[in-house]
Amino acid sequence: MKKIFLSALLLAAALPALAVPAPKPSIANLQQLPVVILRPYDEAANADAQVAAAFARARKSHKRVLIDLGGNWCGDCIVLANFLQLPEMRRFMAAHYEKLFVDVGRFDRNLQIPARFGFKARLKGVPMILVVTPDGKLVNGHDVFATDDARHMTPQALASYLAKYAD
């Protein structure tokens, strides 16, 4: 029993060393964020087809799928989308994720996407980030709403959140 406990303790201590390092954002605060995209969510897109294509890419690339659920009316969604446009974040995301934006309207559109991952009740907020393995396992189920107040987070906190689930 002692050996099992010691092994588990050593493994837990080694896990942070195995984590993907977060990129260092080029901005100190989100007030410095250049706004380059105002409508990241395609309201006319076929969300089911988008998700299927992202998973097909992920199976080939061996990356995780990051599904950003939100709406063009949401200030936090716009902040997060523009944060992801920073060159260092674009590189990081391209290296670790197959990313897509899914419009959920005003919590009345494309709700079958979060429902696939167990979120069948009314969404608590957006942006809601689902990080999923290529075989469909939700990785960040306990904090999918961590960015729903993105405009009040620091750039480094946003980068660290995204790095936390990168593979």
N, C-alpha and C. Protein backbone atom coordinates (compact mmCIF):
# COMPACT_ATOMS: atom_id res chain seq x y z
N MET A 1 0.81 -1.19 0.00
CA MET A 1 0.00 0.00 0.00
C MET A 1 0.87 1.26 0.00
N LYS A 2 1.96 1.22 0.80
CA LYS A 2 2.87 2.37 0.85
C LYS A 2 3.49 2.63 -0.51
N LYS A 3 3.84 1.55 -1.22
CA LYS A 3 4.46 1.70 -2.55
C LYS A 3 3.49 2.33 -3.54
N ILE A 4 2.23 1.93 -3.47
CA ILE A 4 1.23 2.50 -4.37
C ILE A 4 1.05 3.98 -4.08
N PHE A 5 0.93 4.33 -2.80
CA PHE A 5 0.78 5.73 -2.42
C PHE A 5 1.99 6.55 -2.86
N LEU A 6 3.19 6.02 -2.63
CA LEU A 6 4.41 6.73 -3.01
C LEU A 6 4.48 6.90 -4.53
N SER A 7 4.11 5.86 -5.27
CA SER A 7 4.11 5.96 -6.73
C SER A 7 3.12 7.01 -7.22
N ALA A 8 1.94 7.02 -6.61
CA ALA A 8 0.93 8.02 -7.00
C ALA A 8 1.41 9.42 -6.67
N LEU A 9 2.03 9.58 -5.54
CA LEU A 9 2.55 10.89 -5.13
C LEU A 9 3.64 11.37 -6.09
N LEU A 10 4.54 10.47 -6.48
CA LEU A 10 5.60 10.83 -7.42
C LEU A 10 5.03 11.19 -8.79
N LEU A 11 4.03 10.43 -9.22
CA LEU A 11 3.40 10.72 -10.50
C LEU A 11 2.71 12.08 -10.46
N ALA A 12 1.99 12.37 -9.39
CA ALA A 12 1.31 13.66 -9.26
C ALA A 12 2.31 14.81 -9.25
N ALA A 13 3.45 14.61 -8.63
CA ALA A 13 4.48 15.66 -8.60
C ALA A 13 5.09 15.88 -9.98
N ALA A 14 5.15 14.83 -10.80
CA ALA A 14 5.75 14.94 -12.13
C ALA A 14 4.79 15.55 -13.14
N LEU A 15 3.48 15.49 -12.91
CA LEU A 15 2.51 15.96 -13.89
C LEU A 15 2.67 17.42 -14.28
N PRO A 16 2.87 18.36 -13.35
CA PRO A 16 3.04 19.74 -13.79
C PRO A 16 4.23 19.90 -14.72
N ALA A 17 5.26 19.10 -14.56
CA ALA A 17 6.43 19.18 -15.43
C ALA A 17 6.09 18.72 -16.84
N LEU A 18 5.05 17.88 -16.97
CA LEU A 18 4.66 17.37 -18.27
C LEU A 18 3.71 18.31 -19.01
N ALA A 19 3.16 19.30 -18.32
CA ALA A 19 2.21 20.22 -18.92
C ALA A 19 2.86 21.05 -20.02
N VAL A 20 2.05 21.42 -20.99
CA VAL A 20 2.52 22.27 -22.07
C VAL A 20 2.70 23.68 -21.51
N PRO A 21 3.85 24.29 -21.73
CA PRO A 21 4.03 25.65 -21.22
C PRO A 21 3.12 26.64 -21.96
N ALA A 22 2.58 27.56 -21.20
CA ALA A 22 1.71 28.57 -21.79
C ALA A 22 2.54 29.58 -22.55
N PRO A 23 2.03 30.06 -23.68
CA PRO A 23 2.75 31.12 -24.38
C PRO A 23 2.72 32.41 -23.58
N LYS A 24 3.68 33.27 -23.80
CA LYS A 24 3.74 34.57 -23.14
C LYS A 24 3.06 35.58 -24.08
N PRO A 25 1.88 36.08 -23.69
CA PRO A 25 1.20 37.05 -24.55
C PRO A 25 2.02 38.33 -24.72
N SER A 26 1.91 38.92 -25.89
CA SER A 26 2.66 40.13 -26.22
C SER A 26 2.02 41.39 -25.64
N ILE A 27 0.88 41.24 -24.99
CA ILE A 27 0.22 42.38 -24.37
C ILE A 27 0.18 42.18 -22.86
N ALA A 28 0.21 43.26 -22.12
CA ALA A 28 0.21 43.18 -20.66
C ALA A 28 -1.21 43.13 -20.09
N ASN A 29 -2.16 43.74 -20.81
CA ASN A 29 -3.55 43.71 -20.37
C ASN A 29 -4.44 43.73 -21.60
N LEU A 30 -5.70 43.38 -21.40
CA LEU A 30 -6.61 43.25 -22.53
C LEU A 30 -7.03 44.59 -23.14
N GLN A 31 -6.76 45.69 -22.45
CA GLN A 31 -7.03 47.00 -23.04
C GLN A 31 -6.09 47.25 -24.23
N GLN A 32 -4.97 46.56 -24.28
CA GLN A 32 -4.01 46.70 -25.39
C GLN A 32 -4.36 45.77 -26.56
N LEU A 33 -5.39 44.98 -26.41
CA LEU A 33 -5.76 43.99 -27.42
C LEU A 33 -6.26 44.67 -28.70
N PRO A 34 -5.60 44.40 -29.82
CA PRO A 34 -6.13 44.96 -31.07
C PRO A 34 -7.40 44.20 -31.46
N VAL A 35 -8.42 44.93 -31.86
CA VAL A 35 -9.68 44.31 -32.28
C VAL A 35 -9.61 44.12 -33.79
N VAL A 36 -9.50 42.86 -34.19
CA VAL A 36 -9.38 42.56 -35.62
C VAL A 36 -10.57 41.75 -36.13
N ILE A 37 -11.35 41.20 -35.21
CA ILE A 37 -12.51 40.40 -35.61
C ILE A 37 -13.69 40.75 -34.71
N LEU A 38 -14.80 41.10 -35.32
CA LEU A 38 -15.98 41.49 -34.54
C LEU A 38 -17.08 40.43 -34.59
N ARG A 39 -17.03 39.54 -35.56
CA ARG A 39 -18.07 38.53 -35.71
C ARG A 39 -17.41 37.16 -35.92
N PRO A 40 -16.84 36.59 -34.85
CA PRO A 40 -16.14 35.31 -35.02
C PRO A 40 -17.07 34.12 -35.24
N TYR A 41 -18.33 34.26 -34.88
CA TYR A 41 -19.27 33.14 -34.96
C TYR A 41 -20.13 33.26 -36.22
N ASP A 42 -20.04 32.27 -37.08
CA ASP A 42 -20.80 32.26 -38.32
C ASP A 42 -22.21 31.77 -37.99
N GLU A 43 -23.16 32.69 -37.98
CA GLU A 43 -24.53 32.37 -37.58
C GLU A 43 -25.24 31.48 -38.59
N ALA A 44 -24.74 31.40 -39.81
CA ALA A 44 -25.36 30.57 -40.84
C ALA A 44 -24.66 29.23 -41.04
N ALA A 45 -23.61 29.00 -40.31
CA ALA A 45 -22.81 27.78 -40.49
C ALA A 45 -23.57 26.54 -40.03
N ASN A 46 -23.24 25.43 -40.62
CA ASN A 46 -23.75 24.13 -40.19
C ASN A 46 -22.82 23.64 -39.08
N ALA A 47 -23.21 23.83 -37.84
CA ALA A 47 -22.35 23.52 -36.70
C ALA A 47 -22.00 22.04 -36.65
N ASP A 48 -22.96 21.18 -36.97
CA ASP A 48 -22.67 19.74 -36.94
C ASP A 48 -21.58 19.38 -37.94
N ALA A 49 -21.63 19.97 -39.12
CA ALA A 49 -20.61 19.72 -40.14
C ALA A 49 -19.26 20.29 -39.71
N GLN A 50 -19.29 21.48 -39.10
CA GLN A 50 -18.04 22.08 -38.60
C GLN A 50 -17.38 21.19 -37.56
N VAL A 51 -18.17 20.68 -36.62
CA VAL A 51 -17.64 19.82 -35.56
C VAL A 51 -17.11 18.52 -36.16
N ALA A 52 -17.85 17.93 -37.07
CA ALA A 52 -17.40 16.69 -37.70
C ALA A 52 -16.07 16.90 -38.44
N ALA A 53 -15.95 18.02 -39.14
CA ALA A 53 -14.70 18.32 -39.86
C ALA A 53 -13.54 18.53 -38.89
N ALA A 54 -13.80 19.21 -37.76
CA ALA A 54 -12.75 19.44 -36.76
C ALA A 54 -12.27 18.11 -36.18
N PHE A 55 -13.19 17.20 -35.91
CA PHE A 55 -12.78 15.90 -35.37
C PHE A 55 -12.04 15.07 -36.42
N ALA A 56 -12.41 15.18 -37.67
CA ALA A 56 -11.68 14.48 -38.73
C ALA A 56 -10.25 15.01 -38.81
N ARG A 57 -10.09 16.34 -38.74
CA ARG A 57 -8.74 16.92 -38.74
C ARG A 57 -7.95 16.48 -37.51
N ALA A 58 -8.61 16.43 -36.36
CA ALA A 58 -7.94 16.06 -35.10
C ALA A 58 -7.46 14.61 -35.13
N ARG A 59 -8.23 13.74 -35.73
CA ARG A 59 -7.79 12.33 -35.81
C ARG A 59 -6.54 12.21 -36.67
N LYS A 60 -6.43 13.04 -37.69
CA LYS A 60 -5.24 13.02 -38.54
C LYS A 60 -4.06 13.73 -37.89
N SER A 61 -4.32 14.84 -37.23
CA SER A 61 -3.24 15.66 -36.66
C SER A 61 -2.85 15.23 -35.24
N HIS A 62 -3.71 14.40 -34.61
CA HIS A 62 -3.50 13.96 -33.22
C HIS A 62 -3.52 15.14 -32.24
N LYS A 63 -4.30 16.15 -32.58
CA LYS A 63 -4.48 17.31 -31.70
C LYS A 63 -5.84 17.19 -31.03
N ARG A 64 -6.04 17.99 -30.00
CA ARG A 64 -7.34 18.07 -29.38
C ARG A 64 -8.21 19.06 -30.13
N VAL A 65 -9.51 18.92 -29.98
CA VAL A 65 -10.47 19.83 -30.59
C VAL A 65 -10.87 20.85 -29.52
N LEU A 66 -10.82 22.12 -29.89
CA LEU A 66 -11.28 23.18 -29.00
C LEU A 66 -12.50 23.81 -29.66
N ILE A 67 -13.64 23.63 -29.01
CA ILE A 67 -14.90 24.19 -29.51
C ILE A 67 -15.24 25.40 -28.65
N ASP A 68 -15.24 26.55 -29.28
CA ASP A 68 -15.58 27.80 -28.61
C ASP A 68 -17.04 28.09 -28.92
N LEU A 69 -17.90 27.92 -27.92
CA LEU A 69 -19.33 28.19 -28.07
C LEU A 69 -19.61 29.61 -27.61
N GLY A 70 -20.25 30.39 -28.45
CA GLY A 70 -20.51 31.77 -28.08
C GLY A 70 -21.44 32.45 -29.07
N GLY A 71 -21.45 33.77 -28.98
CA GLY A 71 -22.29 34.56 -29.86
C GLY A 71 -21.66 35.91 -30.16
N ASN A 72 -21.98 36.45 -31.30
CA ASN A 72 -21.41 37.73 -31.73
C ASN A 72 -21.89 38.90 -30.88
N TRP A 73 -22.89 38.73 -30.07
CA TRP A 73 -23.41 39.76 -29.17
C TRP A 73 -22.62 39.83 -27.87
N CYS A 74 -21.78 38.82 -27.61
CA CYS A 74 -21.11 38.65 -26.31
C CYS A 74 -19.74 39.31 -26.29
N GLY A 75 -19.57 40.31 -25.42
CA GLY A 75 -18.30 41.01 -25.31
C GLY A 75 -17.14 40.09 -24.92
N ASP A 76 -17.37 39.16 -24.00
CA ASP A 76 -16.31 38.24 -23.60
C ASP A 76 -15.90 37.33 -24.75
N CYS A 77 -16.87 36.95 -25.58
CA CYS A 77 -16.58 36.11 -26.75
C CYS A 77 -15.70 36.87 -27.75
N ILE A 78 -15.99 38.14 -27.95
CA ILE A 78 -15.22 38.97 -28.88
C ILE A 78 -13.80 39.17 -28.34
N VAL A 79 -13.67 39.38 -27.04
CA VAL A 79 -12.35 39.53 -26.43
C VAL A 79 -11.54 38.25 -26.64
N LEU A 80 -12.12 37.10 -26.33
CA LEU A 80 -11.40 35.83 -26.49
C LEU A 80 -11.02 35.60 -27.95
N ALA A 81 -11.94 35.84 -28.86
CA ALA A 81 -11.65 35.64 -30.29
C ALA A 81 -10.50 36.53 -30.74
N ASN A 82 -10.46 37.77 -30.29
CA ASN A 82 -9.37 38.67 -30.68
C ASN A 82 -8.07 38.30 -29.98
N PHE A 83 -8.15 37.81 -28.76
CA PHE A 83 -6.96 37.33 -28.06
C PHE A 83 -6.32 36.18 -28.85
N LEU A 84 -7.15 35.31 -29.39
CA LEU A 84 -6.63 34.18 -30.17
C LEU A 84 -6.02 34.62 -31.50
N GLN A 85 -6.25 35.87 -31.89
CA GLN A 85 -5.66 36.41 -33.12
C GLN A 85 -4.23 36.93 -32.93
N LEU A 86 -3.80 37.09 -31.67
CA LEU A 86 -2.42 37.51 -31.44
C LEU A 86 -1.49 36.48 -32.08
N PRO A 87 -0.42 36.92 -32.71
CA PRO A 87 0.46 35.98 -33.42
C PRO A 87 0.94 34.81 -32.56
N GLU A 88 1.33 35.09 -31.32
CA GLU A 88 1.83 34.01 -30.46
C GLU A 88 0.71 33.03 -30.10
N MET A 89 -0.51 33.52 -29.99
CA MET A 89 -1.63 32.64 -29.68
C MET A 89 -2.05 31.83 -30.91
N ARG A 90 -1.98 32.45 -32.07
CA ARG A 90 -2.29 31.71 -33.32
C ARG A 90 -1.33 30.54 -33.48
N ARG A 91 -0.04 30.79 -33.23
CA ARG A 91 0.95 29.71 -33.34
C ARG A 91 0.67 28.61 -32.32
N PHE A 92 0.40 29.02 -31.09
CA PHE A 92 0.14 28.06 -30.02
C PHE A 92 -1.10 27.21 -30.35
N MET A 93 -2.17 27.87 -30.74
CA MET A 93 -3.40 27.14 -31.05
C MET A 93 -3.20 26.20 -32.23
N ALA A 94 -2.50 26.65 -33.26
CA ALA A 94 -2.26 25.79 -34.43
C ALA A 94 -1.42 24.57 -34.06
N ALA A 95 -0.53 24.72 -33.10
CA ALA A 95 0.32 23.60 -32.69
C ALA A 95 -0.41 22.58 -31.83
N HIS A 96 -1.46 23.01 -31.14
CA HIS A 96 -2.07 22.12 -30.14
C HIS A 96 -3.54 21.79 -30.35
N TYR A 97 -4.25 22.57 -31.12
CA TYR A 97 -5.70 22.37 -31.22
C TYR A 97 -6.19 22.45 -32.66
N GLU A 98 -7.29 21.76 -32.89
CA GLU A 98 -8.15 22.00 -34.05
C GLU A 98 -9.27 22.85 -33.47
N LYS A 99 -9.30 24.12 -33.79
CA LYS A 99 -10.19 25.09 -33.15
C LYS A 99 -11.36 25.44 -34.06
N LEU A 100 -12.53 25.63 -33.45
CA LEU A 100 -13.66 26.13 -34.21
C LEU A 100 -14.57 26.94 -33.30
N PHE A 101 -15.26 27.87 -33.90
CA PHE A 101 -16.23 28.73 -33.22
C PHE A 101 -17.62 28.24 -33.61
N VAL A 102 -18.47 28.01 -32.62
CA VAL A 102 -19.85 27.58 -32.87
C VAL A 102 -20.79 28.61 -32.26
N ASP A 103 -21.64 29.15 -33.10
CA ASP A 103 -22.62 30.15 -32.65
C ASP A 103 -23.75 29.45 -31.90
N VAL A 104 -24.01 29.90 -30.67
CA VAL A 104 -25.14 29.38 -29.90
C VAL A 104 -26.26 30.42 -29.80
N GLY A 105 -26.15 31.46 -30.61
CA GLY A 105 -27.17 32.51 -30.59
C GLY A 105 -27.30 33.09 -29.20
N ARG A 106 -28.51 33.27 -28.77
CA ARG A 106 -28.77 33.72 -27.38
C ARG A 106 -29.23 32.51 -26.58
N PHE A 107 -28.39 31.48 -26.65
CA PHE A 107 -28.63 30.20 -25.98
C PHE A 107 -29.83 29.48 -26.58
N ASP A 108 -30.02 29.66 -27.90
CA ASP A 108 -31.15 29.02 -28.57
C ASP A 108 -30.76 28.39 -29.91
N ARG A 109 -29.48 28.24 -30.16
CA ARG A 109 -29.02 27.71 -31.45
C ARG A 109 -27.86 26.73 -31.20
N ASN A 110 -27.84 25.67 -31.95
CA ASN A 110 -26.74 24.69 -31.94
C ASN A 110 -26.47 24.10 -30.57
N LEU A 111 -27.50 23.98 -29.75
CA LEU A 111 -27.32 23.44 -28.40
C LEU A 111 -27.09 21.93 -28.40
N GLN A 112 -27.25 21.31 -29.56
CA GLN A 112 -26.94 19.88 -29.67
C GLN A 112 -25.44 19.64 -29.52
N ILE A 113 -24.63 20.66 -29.78
CA ILE A 113 -23.16 20.50 -29.67
C ILE A 113 -22.77 20.34 -28.20
N PRO A 114 -23.10 21.28 -27.30
CA PRO A 114 -22.74 21.02 -25.90
C PRO A 114 -23.47 19.79 -25.33
N ALA A 115 -24.69 19.51 -25.82
CA ALA A 115 -25.43 18.35 -25.33
C ALA A 115 -24.67 17.05 -25.61
N ARG A 116 -23.93 17.00 -26.72
CA ARG A 116 -23.13 15.79 -27.03
C ARG A 116 -22.13 15.48 -25.93
N PHE A 117 -21.75 16.52 -25.17
CA PHE A 117 -20.73 16.35 -24.14
C PHE A 117 -21.32 16.46 -22.73
N GLY A 118 -22.63 16.30 -22.62
CA GLY A 118 -23.29 16.23 -21.33
C GLY A 118 -23.90 17.52 -20.83
N PHE A 119 -23.84 18.60 -21.60
CA PHE A 119 -24.39 19.88 -21.16
C PHE A 119 -25.76 20.07 -21.82
N LYS A 120 -26.77 19.51 -21.17
CA LYS A 120 -28.12 19.53 -21.73
C LYS A 120 -29.00 20.63 -21.14
N ALA A 121 -28.60 21.15 -19.99
CA ALA A 121 -29.36 22.24 -19.36
C ALA A 121 -28.96 23.56 -20.03
N ARG A 122 -29.67 24.61 -19.71
CA ARG A 122 -29.36 25.94 -20.25
C ARG A 122 -27.91 26.29 -19.94
N LEU A 123 -27.21 26.79 -20.92
CA LEU A 123 -25.81 27.15 -20.72
C LEU A 123 -25.71 28.27 -19.71
N LYS A 124 -24.68 28.20 -18.88
CA LYS A 124 -24.47 29.18 -17.81
C LYS A 124 -23.90 30.49 -18.34
N GLY A 125 -23.15 30.41 -19.39
CA GLY A 125 -22.52 31.61 -19.95
C GLY A 125 -21.68 31.26 -21.16
N VAL A 126 -21.22 32.29 -21.82
CA VAL A 126 -20.32 32.13 -22.97
C VAL A 126 -19.24 33.19 -22.87
N PRO A 127 -18.08 32.96 -23.44
CA PRO A 127 -17.75 31.78 -24.21
C PRO A 127 -17.61 30.54 -23.31
N MET A 128 -18.10 29.45 -23.84
CA MET A 128 -17.98 28.15 -23.20
C MET A 128 -16.99 27.37 -24.05
N ILE A 129 -15.92 26.92 -23.42
CA ILE A 129 -14.86 26.22 -24.15
C ILE A 129 -14.92 24.73 -23.86
N LEU A 130 -15.07 23.94 -24.90
CA LEU A 130 -15.01 22.48 -24.79
C LEU A 130 -13.69 22.02 -25.39
N VAL A 131 -12.88 21.33 -24.60
CA VAL A 131 -11.64 20.74 -25.10
C VAL A 131 -11.87 19.24 -25.12
N VAL A 132 -11.72 18.65 -26.31
CA VAL A 132 -12.11 17.27 -26.51
C VAL A 132 -10.99 16.52 -27.23
N THR A 133 -10.75 15.27 -26.82
CA THR A 133 -9.77 14.44 -27.49
C THR A 133 -10.30 14.05 -28.87
N PRO A 134 -9.44 13.63 -29.79
CA PRO A 134 -9.91 13.25 -31.12
C PRO A 134 -10.95 12.12 -31.11
N ASP A 135 -10.95 11.31 -30.04
CA ASP A 135 -11.95 10.24 -29.95
C ASP A 135 -13.22 10.65 -29.22
N GLY A 136 -13.34 11.94 -28.87
CA GLY A 136 -14.59 12.45 -28.33
C GLY A 136 -14.70 12.57 -26.82
N LYS A 137 -13.60 12.42 -26.09
CA LYS A 137 -13.66 12.52 -24.63
C LYS A 137 -13.43 13.98 -24.21
N LEU A 138 -14.38 14.51 -23.44
CA LEU A 138 -14.27 15.88 -22.93
C LEU A 138 -13.18 15.92 -21.87
N VAL A 139 -12.24 16.85 -22.01
CA VAL A 139 -11.08 16.93 -21.13
C VAL A 139 -11.29 17.95 -20.01
N ASN A 140 -11.98 19.02 -20.28
CA ASN A 140 -12.10 20.12 -19.31
C ASN A 140 -13.51 20.26 -18.75
N GLY A 141 -14.18 19.17 -18.52
CA GLY A 141 -15.57 19.18 -18.10
C GLY A 141 -15.88 19.97 -16.85
N HIS A 142 -14.94 20.10 -15.95
CA HIS A 142 -15.19 20.80 -14.69
C HIS A 142 -15.01 22.32 -14.79
N ASP A 143 -14.42 22.81 -15.87
CA ASP A 143 -14.28 24.28 -15.97
C ASP A 143 -14.44 24.80 -17.40
N VAL A 144 -15.51 24.35 -18.03
CA VAL A 144 -15.80 24.80 -19.40
C VAL A 144 -16.22 26.27 -19.45
N PHE A 145 -16.64 26.81 -18.31
CA PHE A 145 -17.08 28.20 -18.27
C PHE A 145 -15.99 29.13 -17.74
N ALA A 146 -14.75 28.67 -17.69
CA ALA A 146 -13.66 29.45 -17.10
C ALA A 146 -13.42 30.78 -17.82
N THR A 147 -13.77 30.86 -19.09
CA THR A 147 -13.51 32.08 -19.86
C THR A 147 -14.76 32.94 -20.05
N ASP A 148 -15.86 32.61 -19.35
CA ASP A 148 -17.08 33.39 -19.57
C ASP A 148 -17.00 34.82 -19.03
N ASP A 149 -15.87 35.15 -18.41
CA ASP A 149 -15.59 36.52 -17.99
C ASP A 149 -14.22 36.92 -18.55
N ALA A 150 -13.99 36.55 -19.80
CA ALA A 150 -12.68 36.74 -20.43
C ALA A 150 -12.18 38.18 -20.37
N ARG A 151 -13.08 39.13 -20.50
CA ARG A 151 -12.64 40.53 -20.53
C ARG A 151 -12.02 40.99 -19.22
N HIS A 152 -12.25 40.26 -18.14
CA HIS A 152 -11.67 40.62 -16.85
C HIS A 152 -10.50 39.73 -16.46
N MET A 153 -10.11 38.83 -17.35
CA MET A 153 -8.94 37.98 -17.09
C MET A 153 -7.69 38.68 -17.61
N THR A 154 -6.55 38.26 -17.14
CA THR A 154 -5.30 38.78 -17.69
C THR A 154 -4.96 37.99 -18.94
N PRO A 155 -4.19 38.57 -19.85
CA PRO A 155 -3.76 37.79 -21.02
C PRO A 155 -3.05 36.50 -20.61
N GLN A 156 -2.21 36.55 -19.57
CA GLN A 156 -1.50 35.35 -19.17
C GLN A 156 -2.45 34.30 -18.59
N ALA A 157 -3.50 34.73 -17.90
CA ALA A 157 -4.48 33.77 -17.37
C ALA A 157 -5.21 33.06 -18.51
N LEU A 158 -5.56 33.81 -19.56
CA LEU A 158 -6.19 33.19 -20.73
C LEU A 158 -5.24 32.19 -21.39
N ALA A 159 -4.00 32.58 -21.58
CA ALA A 159 -3.00 31.70 -22.20
C ALA A 159 -2.78 30.46 -21.35
N SER A 160 -2.71 30.63 -20.04
CA SER A 160 -2.49 29.50 -19.14
C SER A 160 -3.67 28.54 -19.16
N TYR A 161 -4.87 29.07 -19.24
CA TYR A 161 -6.05 28.21 -19.32
C TYR A 161 -5.98 27.35 -20.59
N LEU A 162 -5.65 27.96 -21.69
CA LEU A 162 -5.57 27.22 -22.96
C LEU A 162 -4.43 26.20 -22.94
N ALA A 163 -3.33 26.54 -22.29
CA ALA A 163 -2.21 25.61 -22.19
C ALA A 163 -2.50 24.44 -21.27
N LYS A 164 -3.33 24.68 -20.28
CA LYS A 164 -3.66 23.65 -19.28
C LYS A 164 -4.21 22.38 -19.94
N TYR A 165 -4.93 22.53 -21.02
CA TYR A 165 -5.57 21.38 -21.67
C TYR A 165 -4.93 20.98 -22.99
N ALA A 166 -3.88 21.67 -23.38
CA ALA A 166 -3.20 21.34 -24.63
C ALA A 166 -2.50 20.00 -24.48
N ASP A 167 -2.41 19.30 -25.56
CA ASP A 167 -1.76 17.98 -25.53
C ASP A 167 -0.52 18.02 -26.38
